[in-house]
């Protein structure tokens, strides 16, 4: 798992964050761990906030345009998220309502 991000976006959201485990609503398989900054609903997942798995977390180092991204599709065929570019210019995945579940991540002891 990658380290928690504490950058200008983190500070702009009041320095509050939580780690969310995003899983498929259809089969329950874990899709990603995500650092959600600030309060409010989860609508998109920015590339630089994906902490795991490594094949998604490493996209922040490789991708320069949303055109280089493909949708996140679960092994069961459920389309979880589609690529987008936020108005700030940040590349993200737009999470499709009803296709995923989220819960607070609890690290195994």
PDB file of N, CA and C in Angstrom:
ATOM      1  N   UNK A   1       0.844  -1.183   0.000  1.00  0.00           N
ATOM      2  CA  UNK A   1       0.000   0.000   0.000  1.00  0.00           C
ATOM      3  C   UNK A   1       0.885   1.241   0.000  1.00  0.00           C
ATOM      4  N   UNK A   2       0.518   2.200  -0.797  1.00  0.00           N
ATOM      5  CA  UNK A   2       1.267   3.454  -0.868  1.00  0.00           C
ATOM      6  C   UNK A   2       0.987   4.320   0.352  1.00  0.00           C
ATOM      7  N   UNK A   3       1.839   5.312   0.549  1.00  0.00           N
ATOM      8  CA  UNK A   3       1.736   6.203   1.709  1.00  0.00           C
ATOM      9  C   UNK A   3       0.575   7.186   1.556  1.00  0.00           C
ATOM     10  N   UNK A   4       0.073   7.665   2.684  1.00  0.00           N
ATOM     11  CA  UNK A   4      -0.988   8.674   2.714  1.00  0.00           C
ATOM     12  C   UNK A   4      -0.454   9.964   2.106  1.00  0.00           C
ATOM     13  N   UNK A   5      -1.279  10.632   1.289  1.00  0.00           N
ATOM     14  CA  UNK A   5      -0.892  11.883   0.640  1.00  0.00           C
ATOM     15  C   UNK A   5      -1.286  13.066   1.519  1.00  0.00           C
ATOM     16  N   UNK A   6      -0.358  13.977   1.705  1.00  0.00           N
ATOM     17  CA  UNK A   6      -0.641  15.209   2.454  1.00  0.00           C
ATOM     18  C   UNK A   6      -0.138  16.383   1.624  1.00  0.00           C
ATOM     19  N   UNK A   7      -0.923  16.760   0.626  1.00  0.00           N
ATOM     20  CA  UNK A   7      -0.541  17.819  -0.290  1.00  0.00           C
ATOM     21  C   UNK A   7      -1.546  18.971  -0.203  1.00  0.00           C
ATOM     22  N   UNK A   8      -1.533  19.869  -1.185  1.00  0.00           N
ATOM     23  CA  UNK A   8      -2.412  21.042  -1.133  1.00  0.00           C
ATOM     24  C   UNK A   8      -3.889  20.660  -1.174  1.00  0.00           C
ATOM     25  N   UNK A   9      -4.234  19.584  -1.873  1.00  0.00           N
ATOM     26  CA  UNK A   9      -5.626  19.152  -1.936  1.00  0.00           C
ATOM     27  C   UNK A   9      -6.087  18.651  -0.569  1.00  0.00           C
ATOM     28  N   UNK A  10      -5.205  17.953   0.122  1.00  0.00           N
ATOM     29  CA  UNK A  10      -5.473  17.464   1.480  1.00  0.00           C
ATOM     30  C   UNK A  10      -5.727  18.648   2.413  1.00  0.00           C
ATOM     31  N   UNK A  11      -4.865  19.648   2.338  1.00  0.00           N
ATOM     32  CA  UNK A  11      -5.002  20.834   3.194  1.00  0.00           C
ATOM     33  C   UNK A  11      -6.255  21.639   2.831  1.00  0.00           C
ATOM     34  N   UNK A  12      -6.581  21.733   1.526  1.00  0.00           N
ATOM     35  CA  UNK A  12      -7.773  22.463   1.087  1.00  0.00           C
ATOM     36  C   UNK A  12      -9.058  21.841   1.626  1.00  0.00           C
ATOM     37  N   UNK A  13      -9.036  20.546   1.876  1.00  0.00           N
ATOM     38  CA  UNK A  13     -10.211  19.830   2.386  1.00  0.00           C
ATOM     39  C   UNK A  13     -10.227  19.791   3.903  1.00  0.00           C
ATOM     40  N   UNK A  14      -9.390  20.576   4.556  1.00  0.00           N
ATOM     41  CA  UNK A  14      -9.405  20.678   6.005  1.00  0.00           C
ATOM     42  C   UNK A  14      -8.509  19.701   6.730  1.00  0.00           C
ATOM     43  N   UNK A  15      -7.678  18.987   6.007  1.00  0.00           N
ATOM     44  CA  UNK A  15      -6.751  18.058   6.641  1.00  0.00           C
ATOM     45  C   UNK A  15      -7.423  16.823   7.210  1.00  0.00           C
ATOM     46  N   UNK A  16      -8.625  16.517   6.741  1.00  0.00           N
ATOM     47  CA  UNK A  16      -9.369  15.352   7.211  1.00  0.00           C
ATOM     48  C   UNK A  16      -9.378  14.305   6.105  1.00  0.00           C
ATOM     49  N   UNK A  17      -9.084  13.058   6.466  1.00  0.00           N
ATOM     50  CA  UNK A  17      -9.136  12.000   5.467  1.00  0.00           C
ATOM     51  C   UNK A  17      -9.589  10.697   6.103  1.00  0.00           C
ATOM     52  N   UNK A  18      -9.998   9.759   5.254  1.00  0.00           N
ATOM     53  CA  UNK A  18     -10.289   8.394   5.681  1.00  0.00           C
ATOM     54  C   UNK A  18      -9.889   7.453   4.548  1.00  0.00           C
ATOM     55  N   UNK A  19      -9.527   6.247   4.914  1.00  0.00           N
ATOM     56  CA  UNK A  19      -9.173   5.235   3.926  1.00  0.00           C
ATOM     57  C   UNK A  19     -10.413   4.376   3.694  1.00  0.00           C
ATOM     58  N   UNK A  20     -10.839   4.292   2.435  1.00  0.00           N
ATOM     59  CA  UNK A  20     -12.018   3.525   2.074  1.00  0.00           C
ATOM     60  C   UNK A  20     -11.634   2.292   1.281  1.00  0.00           C
ATOM     61  N   UNK A  21     -12.293   1.202   1.582  1.00  0.00           N
ATOM     62  CA  UNK A  21     -12.147  -0.021   0.811  1.00  0.00           C
ATOM     63  C   UNK A  21     -13.316  -0.046  -0.165  1.00  0.00           C
ATOM     64  N   UNK A  22     -13.017   0.019  -1.456  1.00  0.00           N
ATOM     65  CA  UNK A  22     -14.033   0.022  -2.502  1.00  0.00           C
ATOM     66  C   UNK A  22     -14.115  -1.399  -3.053  1.00  0.00           C
ATOM     67  N   UNK A  23     -15.331  -1.958  -3.071  1.00  0.00           N
ATOM     68  CA  UNK A  23     -15.507  -3.312  -3.591  1.00  0.00           C
ATOM     69  C   UNK A  23     -16.681  -3.346  -4.561  1.00  0.00           C
ATOM     70  N   UNK A  24     -16.742  -4.406  -5.342  1.00  0.00           N
ATOM     71  CA  UNK A  24     -17.789  -4.592  -6.343  1.00  0.00           C
ATOM     72  C   UNK A  24     -19.113  -4.877  -5.635  1.00  0.00           C
ATOM     73  N   UNK A  25     -20.184  -4.203  -6.044  1.00  0.00           N
ATOM     74  CA  UNK A  25     -21.498  -4.423  -5.448  1.00  0.00           C
ATOM     75  C   UNK A  25     -22.098  -5.752  -5.896  1.00  0.00           C
ATOM     76  N   UNK A  26     -21.630  -6.261  -7.018  1.00  0.00           N
ATOM     77  CA  UNK A  26     -22.195  -7.491  -7.578  1.00  0.00           C
ATOM     78  C   UNK A  26     -21.596  -8.740  -6.937  1.00  0.00           C
ATOM     79  N   UNK A  27     -20.256  -8.816  -6.862  1.00  0.00           N
ATOM     80  CA  UNK A  27     -19.603 -10.037  -6.367  1.00  0.00           C
ATOM     81  C   UNK A  27     -18.871  -9.835  -5.033  1.00  0.00           C
ATOM     82  N   UNK A  28     -18.635  -8.582  -4.624  1.00  0.00           N
ATOM     83  CA  UNK A  28     -17.983  -8.308  -3.350  1.00  0.00           C
ATOM     84  C   UNK A  28     -16.467  -8.271  -3.388  1.00  0.00           C
ATOM     85  N   UNK A  29     -15.854  -8.479  -4.550  1.00  0.00           N
ATOM     86  CA  UNK A  29     -14.393  -8.467  -4.660  1.00  0.00           C
ATOM     87  C   UNK A  29     -13.847  -7.056  -4.445  1.00  0.00           C
ATOM     88  N   UNK A  30     -12.745  -6.950  -3.681  1.00  0.00           N
ATOM     89  CA  UNK A  30     -12.130  -5.645  -3.440  1.00  0.00           C
ATOM     90  C   UNK A  30     -11.543  -5.096  -4.740  1.00  0.00           C
ATOM     91  N   UNK A  31     -11.842  -3.830  -5.022  1.00  0.00           N
ATOM     92  CA  UNK A  31     -11.366  -3.180  -6.237  1.00  0.00           C
ATOM     93  C   UNK A  31     -10.171  -2.283  -5.930  1.00  0.00           C
ATOM     94  N   UNK A  32     -10.264  -1.495  -4.835  1.00  0.00           N
ATOM     95  CA  UNK A  32      -9.166  -0.583  -4.495  1.00  0.00           C
ATOM     96  C   UNK A  32      -9.283  -0.094  -3.061  1.00  0.00           C
ATOM     97  N   UNK A  33      -8.160   0.415  -2.560  1.00  0.00           N
ATOM     98  CA  UNK A  33      -8.132   1.197  -1.329  1.00  0.00           C
ATOM     99  C   UNK A  33      -7.939   2.636  -1.754  1.00  0.00           C
ATOM    100  N   UNK A  34      -8.716   3.545  -1.177  1.00  0.00           N
ATOM    101  CA  UNK A  34      -8.728   4.927  -1.634  1.00  0.00           C
ATOM    102  C   UNK A  34      -8.685   5.882  -0.449  1.00  0.00           C
ATOM    103  N   UNK A  35      -7.874   6.921  -0.558  1.00  0.00           N
ATOM    104  CA  UNK A  35      -7.801   7.975   0.456  1.00  0.00           C
ATOM    105  C   UNK A  35      -8.809   9.056   0.103  1.00  0.00           C
ATOM    106  N   UNK A  36      -9.886   9.136   0.874  1.00  0.00           N
ATOM    107  CA  UNK A  36     -10.923  10.151   0.664  1.00  0.00           C
ATOM    108  C   UNK A  36     -10.606  11.345   1.542  1.00  0.00           C
ATOM    109  N   UNK A  37     -10.342  12.488   0.933  1.00  0.00           N
ATOM    110  CA  UNK A  37     -10.055  13.718   1.666  1.00  0.00           C
ATOM    111  C   UNK A  37     -11.344  14.499   1.875  1.00  0.00           C
ATOM    112  N   UNK A  38     -11.466  15.113   3.041  1.00  0.00           N
ATOM    113  CA  UNK A  38     -12.614  15.968   3.322  1.00  0.00           C
ATOM    114  C   UNK A  38     -13.894  15.192   3.585  1.00  0.00           C
ATOM    115  N   UNK A  39     -14.956  15.949   3.711  1.00  0.00           N
ATOM    116  CA  UNK A  39     -16.266  15.366   3.972  1.00  0.00           C
ATOM    117  C   UNK A  39     -17.024  15.225   2.660  1.00  0.00           C
ATOM    118  N   UNK A  40     -18.199  14.650   2.754  1.00  0.00           N
ATOM    119  CA  UNK A  40     -19.060  14.552   1.581  1.00  0.00           C
ATOM    120  C   UNK A  40     -19.033  13.185   0.939  1.00  0.00           C
ATOM    121  N   UNK A  41     -19.857  13.065  -0.081  1.00  0.00           N
ATOM    122  CA  UNK A  41     -20.024  11.797  -0.788  1.00  0.00           C
ATOM    123  C   UNK A  41     -18.818  11.490  -1.681  1.00  0.00           C
ATOM    124  N   UNK A  42     -18.667  10.236  -2.003  1.00  0.00           N
ATOM    125  CA  UNK A  42     -17.600   9.790  -2.893  1.00  0.00           C
ATOM    126  C   UNK A  42     -18.168   9.695  -4.309  1.00  0.00           C
ATOM    127  N   UNK A  43     -17.714  10.583  -5.205  1.00  0.00           N
ATOM    128  CA  UNK A  43     -18.189  10.601  -6.585  1.00  0.00           C
ATOM    129  C   UNK A  43     -17.106  10.182  -7.571  1.00  0.00           C
ATOM    130  N   UNK A  44     -15.863  10.465  -7.222  1.00  0.00           N
ATOM    131  CA  UNK A  44     -14.752  10.158  -8.130  1.00  0.00           C
ATOM    132  C   UNK A  44     -13.543   9.762  -7.302  1.00  0.00           C
ATOM    133  N   UNK A  45     -12.651   9.036  -7.952  1.00  0.00           N
ATOM    134  CA  UNK A  45     -11.404   8.649  -7.278  1.00  0.00           C
ATOM    135  C   UNK A  45     -10.237   9.178  -8.101  1.00  0.00           C
ATOM    136  N   UNK A  46      -9.509  10.105  -7.525  1.00  0.00           N
ATOM    137  CA  UNK A  46      -8.356  10.697  -8.191  1.00  0.00           C
ATOM    138  C   UNK A  46      -7.207   9.694  -8.207  1.00  0.00           C
ATOM    139  N   UNK A  47      -6.449   9.683  -9.294  1.00  0.00           N
ATOM    140  CA  UNK A  47      -5.355   8.723  -9.436  1.00  0.00           C
ATOM    141  C   UNK A  47      -4.354   8.812  -8.300  1.00  0.00           C
ATOM    142  N   UNK A  48      -4.054  10.038  -7.859  1.00  0.00           N
ATOM    143  CA  UNK A  48      -3.026  10.189  -6.818  1.00  0.00           C
ATOM    144  C   UNK A  48      -3.535   9.868  -5.417  1.00  0.00           C
ATOM    145  N   UNK A  49      -4.771   9.415  -5.293  1.00  0.00           N
ATOM    146  CA  UNK A  49      -5.320   9.026  -3.996  1.00  0.00           C
ATOM    147  C   UNK A  49      -5.573   7.517  -3.908  1.00  0.00           C
ATOM    148  N   UNK A  50      -5.346   6.781  -4.990  1.00  0.00           N
ATOM    149  CA  UNK A  50      -5.504   5.328  -4.970  1.00  0.00           C
ATOM    150  C   UNK A  50      -4.268   4.745  -4.300  1.00  0.00           C
ATOM    151  N   UNK A  51      -4.473   3.981  -3.238  1.00  0.00           N
ATOM    152  CA  UNK A  51      -3.372   3.435  -2.449  1.00  0.00           C
ATOM    153  C   UNK A  51      -3.046   1.992  -2.808  1.00  0.00           C
ATOM    154  N   UNK A  52      -4.010   1.214  -3.262  1.00  0.00           N
ATOM    155  CA  UNK A  52      -3.807  -0.184  -3.628  1.00  0.00           C
ATOM    156  C   UNK A  52      -4.975  -0.613  -4.511  1.00  0.00           C
ATOM    157  N   UNK A  53      -4.833  -1.623  -5.334  1.00  0.00           N
ATOM    158  CA  UNK A  53      -3.669  -2.442  -5.629  1.00  0.00           C
ATOM    159  C   UNK A  53      -2.649  -1.665  -6.458  1.00  0.00           C
ATOM    160  N   UNK A  54      -1.470  -2.198  -6.531  1.00  0.00           N
ATOM    161  CA  UNK A  54      -0.353  -1.488  -7.160  1.00  0.00           C
ATOM    162  C   UNK A  54      -0.611  -1.158  -8.628  1.00  0.00           C
ATOM    163  N   UNK A  55      -1.304  -2.027  -9.369  1.00  0.00           N
ATOM    164  CA  UNK A  55      -1.536  -1.729 -10.796  1.00  0.00           C
ATOM    165  C   UNK A  55      -2.410  -0.490 -10.986  1.00  0.00           C
ATOM    166  N   UNK A  56      -3.271  -0.169 -10.029  1.00  0.00           N
ATOM    167  CA  UNK A  56      -4.035   1.083 -10.091  1.00  0.00           C
ATOM    168  C   UNK A  56      -3.279   2.235  -9.442  1.00  0.00           C
ATOM    169  N   UNK A  57      -2.604   1.970  -8.321  1.00  0.00           N
ATOM    170  CA  UNK A  57      -1.851   3.021  -7.615  1.00  0.00           C
ATOM    171  C   UNK A  57      -0.714   3.560  -8.480  1.00  0.00           C
ATOM    172  N   UNK A  58      -0.115   2.718  -9.306  1.00  0.00           N
ATOM    173  CA  UNK A  58       1.012   3.150 -10.134  1.00  0.00           C
ATOM    174  C   UNK A  58       0.579   3.983 -11.339  1.00  0.00           C
ATOM    175  N   UNK A  59      -0.718   4.061 -11.613  1.00  0.00           N
ATOM    176  CA  UNK A  59      -1.196   4.860 -12.747  1.00  0.00           C
ATOM    177  C   UNK A  59      -0.837   6.330 -12.590  1.00  0.00           C
ATOM    178  N   UNK A  60      -0.762   6.817 -11.350  1.00  0.00           N
ATOM    179  CA  UNK A  60      -0.441   8.231 -11.121  1.00  0.00           C
ATOM    180  C   UNK A  60       0.939   8.596 -11.657  1.00  0.00           C
ATOM    181  N   UNK A  61       1.836   7.609 -11.754  1.00  0.00           N
ATOM    182  CA  UNK A  61       3.185   7.860 -12.262  1.00  0.00           C
ATOM    183  C   UNK A  61       3.272   7.730 -13.779  1.00  0.00           C
ATOM    184  N   UNK A  62       2.286   7.067 -14.389  1.00  0.00           N
ATOM    185  CA  UNK A  62       2.357   6.736 -15.815  1.00  0.00           C
ATOM    186  C   UNK A  62       1.423   7.553 -16.699  1.00  0.00           C
ATOM    187  N   UNK A  63       0.248   7.882 -16.207  1.00  0.00           N
ATOM    188  CA  UNK A  63      -0.815   8.469 -17.029  1.00  0.00           C
ATOM    189  C   UNK A  63      -0.727  10.000 -17.044  1.00  0.00           C
ATOM    190  N   UNK A  64      -0.794  10.562 -18.229  1.00  0.00           N
ATOM    191  CA  UNK A  64      -0.771  12.022 -18.387  1.00  0.00           C
ATOM    192  C   UNK A  64      -2.081  12.561 -18.958  1.00  0.00           C
ATOM    193  N   UNK A  65      -2.952  11.666 -19.464  1.00  0.00           N
ATOM    194  CA  UNK A  65      -4.206  12.082 -20.078  1.00  0.00           C
ATOM    195  C   UNK A  65      -5.279  11.033 -19.797  1.00  0.00           C
ATOM    196  N   UNK A  66      -6.524  11.466 -19.669  1.00  0.00           N
ATOM    197  CA  UNK A  66      -7.613  10.531 -19.409  1.00  0.00           C
ATOM    198  C   UNK A  66      -7.807   9.561 -20.568  1.00  0.00           C
ATOM    199  N   UNK A  67      -7.355   9.941 -21.763  1.00  0.00           N
ATOM    200  CA  UNK A  67      -7.477   9.076 -22.938  1.00  0.00           C
ATOM    201  C   UNK A  67      -6.630   7.815 -22.808  1.00  0.00           C
ATOM    202  N   UNK A  68      -5.630   7.840 -21.936  1.00  0.00           N
ATOM    203  CA  UNK A  68      -4.761   6.687 -21.723  1.00  0.00           C
ATOM    204  C   UNK A  68      -5.358   5.683 -20.744  1.00  0.00           C
ATOM    205  N   UNK A  69      -6.470   6.031 -20.096  1.00  0.00           N
ATOM    206  CA  UNK A  69      -7.094   5.174 -19.094  1.00  0.00           C
ATOM    207  C   UNK A  69      -8.222   4.350 -19.693  1.00  0.00           C
ATOM    208  N   UNK A  70      -8.458   3.196 -19.074  1.00  0.00           N
ATOM    209  CA  UNK A  70      -9.605   2.367 -19.408  1.00  0.00           C
ATOM    210  C   UNK A  70     -10.496   2.295 -18.173  1.00  0.00           C
ATOM    211  N   UNK A  71     -11.738   1.931 -18.374  1.00  0.00           N
ATOM    212  CA  UNK A  71     -12.679   1.802 -17.263  1.00  0.00           C
ATOM    213  C   UNK A  71     -12.202   0.719 -16.299  1.00  0.00           C
ATOM    214  N   UNK A  72     -12.586   0.852 -15.038  1.00  0.00           N
ATOM    215  CA  UNK A  72     -12.302  -0.190 -14.049  1.00  0.00           C
ATOM    216  C   UNK A  72     -13.458  -1.181 -14.112  1.00  0.00           C
ATOM    217  N   UNK A  73     -13.130  -2.405 -14.488  1.00  0.00           N
ATOM    218  CA  UNK A  73     -14.127  -3.456 -14.627  1.00  0.00           C
ATOM    219  C   UNK A  73     -13.738  -4.605 -13.710  1.00  0.00           C
ATOM    220  N   UNK A  74     -14.675  -5.043 -12.892  1.00  0.00           N
ATOM    221  CA  UNK A  74     -14.443  -6.160 -11.974  1.00  0.00           C
ATOM    222  C   UNK A  74     -14.318  -7.452 -12.779  1.00  0.00           C
ATOM    223  N   UNK A  75     -13.761  -8.479 -12.150  1.00  0.00           N
ATOM    224  CA  UNK A  75     -13.626  -9.792 -12.797  1.00  0.00           C
ATOM    225  C   UNK A  75     -14.982 -10.362 -13.199  1.00  0.00           C
ATOM    226  N   UNK A  76     -16.049  -9.975 -12.486  1.00  0.00           N
ATOM    227  CA  UNK A  76     -17.395 -10.481 -12.792  1.00  0.00           C
ATOM    228  C   UNK A  76     -18.040  -9.733 -13.966  1.00  0.00           C
ATOM    229  N   UNK A  77     -17.366  -8.694 -14.491  1.00  0.00           N
ATOM    230  CA  UNK A  77     -17.877  -7.938 -15.630  1.00  0.00           C
ATOM    231  C   UNK A  77     -18.574  -6.643 -15.264  1.00  0.00           C
ATOM    232  N   UNK A  78     -18.713  -6.352 -13.992  1.00  0.00           N
ATOM    233  CA  UNK A  78     -19.361  -5.137 -13.510  1.00  0.00           C
ATOM    234  C   UNK A  78     -18.445  -3.926 -13.748  1.00  0.00           C
ATOM    235  N   UNK A  79     -18.952  -2.918 -14.465  1.00  0.00           N
ATOM    236  CA  UNK A  79     -18.181  -1.697 -14.714  1.00  0.00           C
ATOM    237  C   UNK A  79     -18.320  -0.798 -13.487  1.00  0.00           C
ATOM    238  N   UNK A  80     -17.187  -0.578 -12.783  1.00  0.00           N
ATOM    239  CA  UNK A  80     -17.186   0.165 -11.524  1.00  0.00           C
ATOM    240  C   UNK A  80     -16.984   1.665 -11.752  1.00  0.00           C
ATOM    241  N   UNK A  81     -16.050   2.019 -12.646  1.00  0.00           N
ATOM    242  CA  UNK A  81     -15.685   3.426 -12.825  1.00  0.00           C
ATOM    243  C   UNK A  81     -15.206   3.688 -14.252  1.00  0.00           C
ATOM    244  N   UNK A  82     -15.387   4.928 -14.682  1.00  0.00           N
ATOM    245  CA  UNK A  82     -14.945   5.358 -16.017  1.00  0.00           C
ATOM    246  C   UNK A  82     -13.982   6.528 -15.872  1.00  0.00           C
ATOM    247  N   UNK A  83     -13.021   6.655 -16.796  1.00  0.00           N
ATOM    248  CA  UNK A  83     -12.053   7.755 -16.717  1.00  0.00           C
ATOM    249  C   UNK A  83     -12.713   9.115 -16.932  1.00  0.00           C
ATOM    250  N   UNK A  84     -12.152  10.126 -16.275  1.00  0.00           N
ATOM    251  CA  UNK A  84     -12.645  11.497 -16.435  1.00  0.00           C
ATOM    252  C   UNK A  84     -11.527  12.483 -16.117  1.00  0.00           C
ATOM    253  N   UNK A  85     -11.735  13.716 -16.490  1.00  0.00           N
ATOM    254  CA  UNK A  85     -10.832  14.795 -16.106  1.00  0.00           C
ATOM    255  C   UNK A  85     -11.663  15.817 -15.344  1.00  0.00           C
ATOM    256  N   UNK A  86     -11.284  16.078 -14.094  1.00  0.00           N
ATOM    257  CA  UNK A  86     -12.020  17.016 -13.257  1.00  0.00           C
ATOM    258  C   UNK A  86     -11.745  18.438 -13.731  1.00  0.00           C
ATOM    259  N   UNK A  87     -12.603  19.360 -13.358  1.00  0.00           N
ATOM    260  CA  UNK A  87     -12.454  20.752 -13.816  1.00  0.00           C
ATOM    261  C   UNK A  87     -11.128  21.374 -13.392  1.00  0.00           C
ATOM    262  N   UNK A  88     -10.505  20.846 -12.313  1.00  0.00           N
ATOM    263  CA  UNK A  88      -9.193  21.334 -11.878  1.00  0.00           C
ATOM    264  C   UNK A  88      -8.072  20.821 -12.777  1.00  0.00           C
ATOM    265  N   UNK A  89      -8.405  19.881 -13.661  1.00  0.00           N
ATOM    266  CA  UNK A  89      -7.399  19.280 -14.532  1.00  0.00           C
ATOM    267  C   UNK A  89      -6.852  17.972 -14.002  1.00  0.00           C
ATOM    268  N   UNK A  90      -7.323  17.550 -12.823  1.00  0.00           N
ATOM    269  CA  UNK A  90      -6.871  16.290 -12.231  1.00  0.00           C
ATOM    270  C   UNK A  90      -7.576  15.118 -12.900  1.00  0.00           C
ATOM    271  N   UNK A  91      -6.805  14.083 -13.212  1.00  0.00           N
ATOM    272  CA  UNK A  91      -7.357  12.885 -13.831  1.00  0.00           C
ATOM    273  C   UNK A  91      -7.921  11.988 -12.740  1.00  0.00           C
ATOM    274  N   UNK A  92      -9.099  11.417 -13.003  1.00  0.00           N
ATOM    275  CA  UNK A  92      -9.786  10.628 -11.989  1.00  0.00           C
ATOM    276  C   UNK A  92     -10.629   9.537 -12.651  1.00  0.00           C
ATOM    277  N   UNK A  93     -11.196   8.694 -11.812  1.00  0.00           N
ATOM    278  CA  UNK A  93     -12.209   7.746 -12.245  1.00  0.00           C
ATOM    279  C   UNK A  93     -13.538   8.213 -11.678  1.00  0.00           C
ATOM    280  N   UNK A  94     -14.556   8.283 -12.535  1.00  0.00           N
ATOM    281  CA  UNK A  94     -15.902   8.624 -12.115  1.00  0.00           C
ATOM    282  C   UNK A  94     -16.559   7.324 -11.667  1.00  0.00           C
ATOM    283  N   UNK A  95     -16.922   7.234 -10.388  1.00  0.00           N
ATOM    284  CA  UNK A  95     -17.510   6.023  -9.831  1.00  0.00           C
ATOM    285  C   UNK A  95     -18.999   5.966 -10.162  1.00  0.00           C
ATOM    286  N   UNK A  96     -19.428   4.859 -10.742  1.00  0.00           N
ATOM    287  CA  UNK A  96     -20.810   4.700 -11.181  1.00  0.00           C
ATOM    288  C   UNK A  96     -21.662   4.259  -9.989  1.00  0.00           C
ATOM    289  N   UNK A  97     -22.626   5.079  -9.634  1.00  0.00           N
ATOM    290  CA  UNK A  97     -23.479   4.847  -8.479  1.00  0.00           C
ATOM    291  C   UNK A  97     -24.167   3.484  -8.581  1.00  0.00           C
ATOM    292  N   UNK A  98     -24.106   2.732  -7.500  1.00  0.00           N
ATOM    293  CA  UNK A  98     -24.771   1.432  -7.444  1.00  0.00           C
ATOM    294  C   UNK A  98     -23.918   0.255  -7.878  1.00  0.00           C
ATOM    295  N   UNK A  99     -22.726   0.522  -8.430  1.00  0.00           N
ATOM    296  CA  UNK A  99     -21.867  -0.571  -8.905  1.00  0.00           C
ATOM    297  C   UNK A  99     -20.779  -0.930  -7.909  1.00  0.00           C
ATOM    298  N   UNK A 100     -20.663  -0.153  -6.835  1.00  0.00           N
ATOM    299  CA  UNK A 100     -19.606  -0.383  -5.851  1.00  0.00           C
ATOM    300  C   UNK A 100     -20.153  -0.207  -4.442  1.00  0.00           C
ATOM    301  N   UNK A 101     -19.421  -0.783  -3.501  1.00  0.00           N
ATOM    302  CA  UNK A 101     -19.688  -0.567  -2.082  1.00  0.00           C
ATOM    303  C   UNK A 101     -18.443   0.022  -1.467  1.00  0.00           C
ATOM    304  N   UNK A 102     -18.634   0.828  -0.443  1.00  0.00           N
ATOM    305  CA  UNK A 102     -17.477   1.399   0.240  1.00  0.00           C
ATOM    306  C   UNK A 102     -17.627   1.164   1.730  1.00  0.00           C
ATOM    307  N   UNK A 103     -16.496   0.954   2.377  1.00  0.00           N
ATOM    308  CA  UNK A 103     -16.476   0.834   3.830  1.00  0.00           C
ATOM    309  C   UNK A 103     -15.139   1.319   4.330  1.00  0.00           C
ATOM    310  N   UNK A 104     -15.101   1.745   5.577  1.00  0.00           N
ATOM    311  CA  UNK A 104     -13.841   2.174   6.171  1.00  0.00           C
ATOM    312  C   UNK A 104     -12.881   1.002   6.193  1.00  0.00           C
ATOM    313  N   UNK A 105     -11.639   1.280   5.819  1.00  0.00           N
ATOM    314  CA  UNK A 105     -10.610   0.244   5.802  1.00  0.00           C
ATOM    315  C   UNK A 105     -10.105   0.006   7.211  1.00  0.00           C
ATOM    316  N   UNK A 106     -10.078  -1.247   7.606  1.00  0.00           N
ATOM    317  CA  UNK A 106      -9.533  -1.624   8.907  1.00  0.00           C
ATOM    318  C   UNK A 106      -8.373  -2.543   8.644  1.00  0.00           C
ATOM    319  N   UNK A 107      -7.178  -2.083   8.973  1.00  0.00           N
ATOM    320  CA  UNK A 107      -5.975  -2.858   8.755  1.00  0.00           C
ATOM    321  C   UNK A 107      -6.006  -4.109   9.629  1.00  0.00           C
ATOM    322  N   UNK A 108      -5.650  -5.249   9.012  1.00  0.00           N
ATOM    323  CA  UNK A 108      -5.615  -6.511   9.760  1.00  0.00           C
ATOM    324  C   UNK A 108      -4.611  -6.423  10.896  1.00  0.00           C
ATOM    325  N   UNK A 109      -4.958  -6.994  12.026  1.00  0.00           N
ATOM    326  CA  UNK A 109      -4.077  -6.935  13.195  1.00  0.00           C
ATOM    327  C   UNK A 109      -3.182  -8.142  13.240  1.00  0.00           C
TER     328      UNK A 109
END
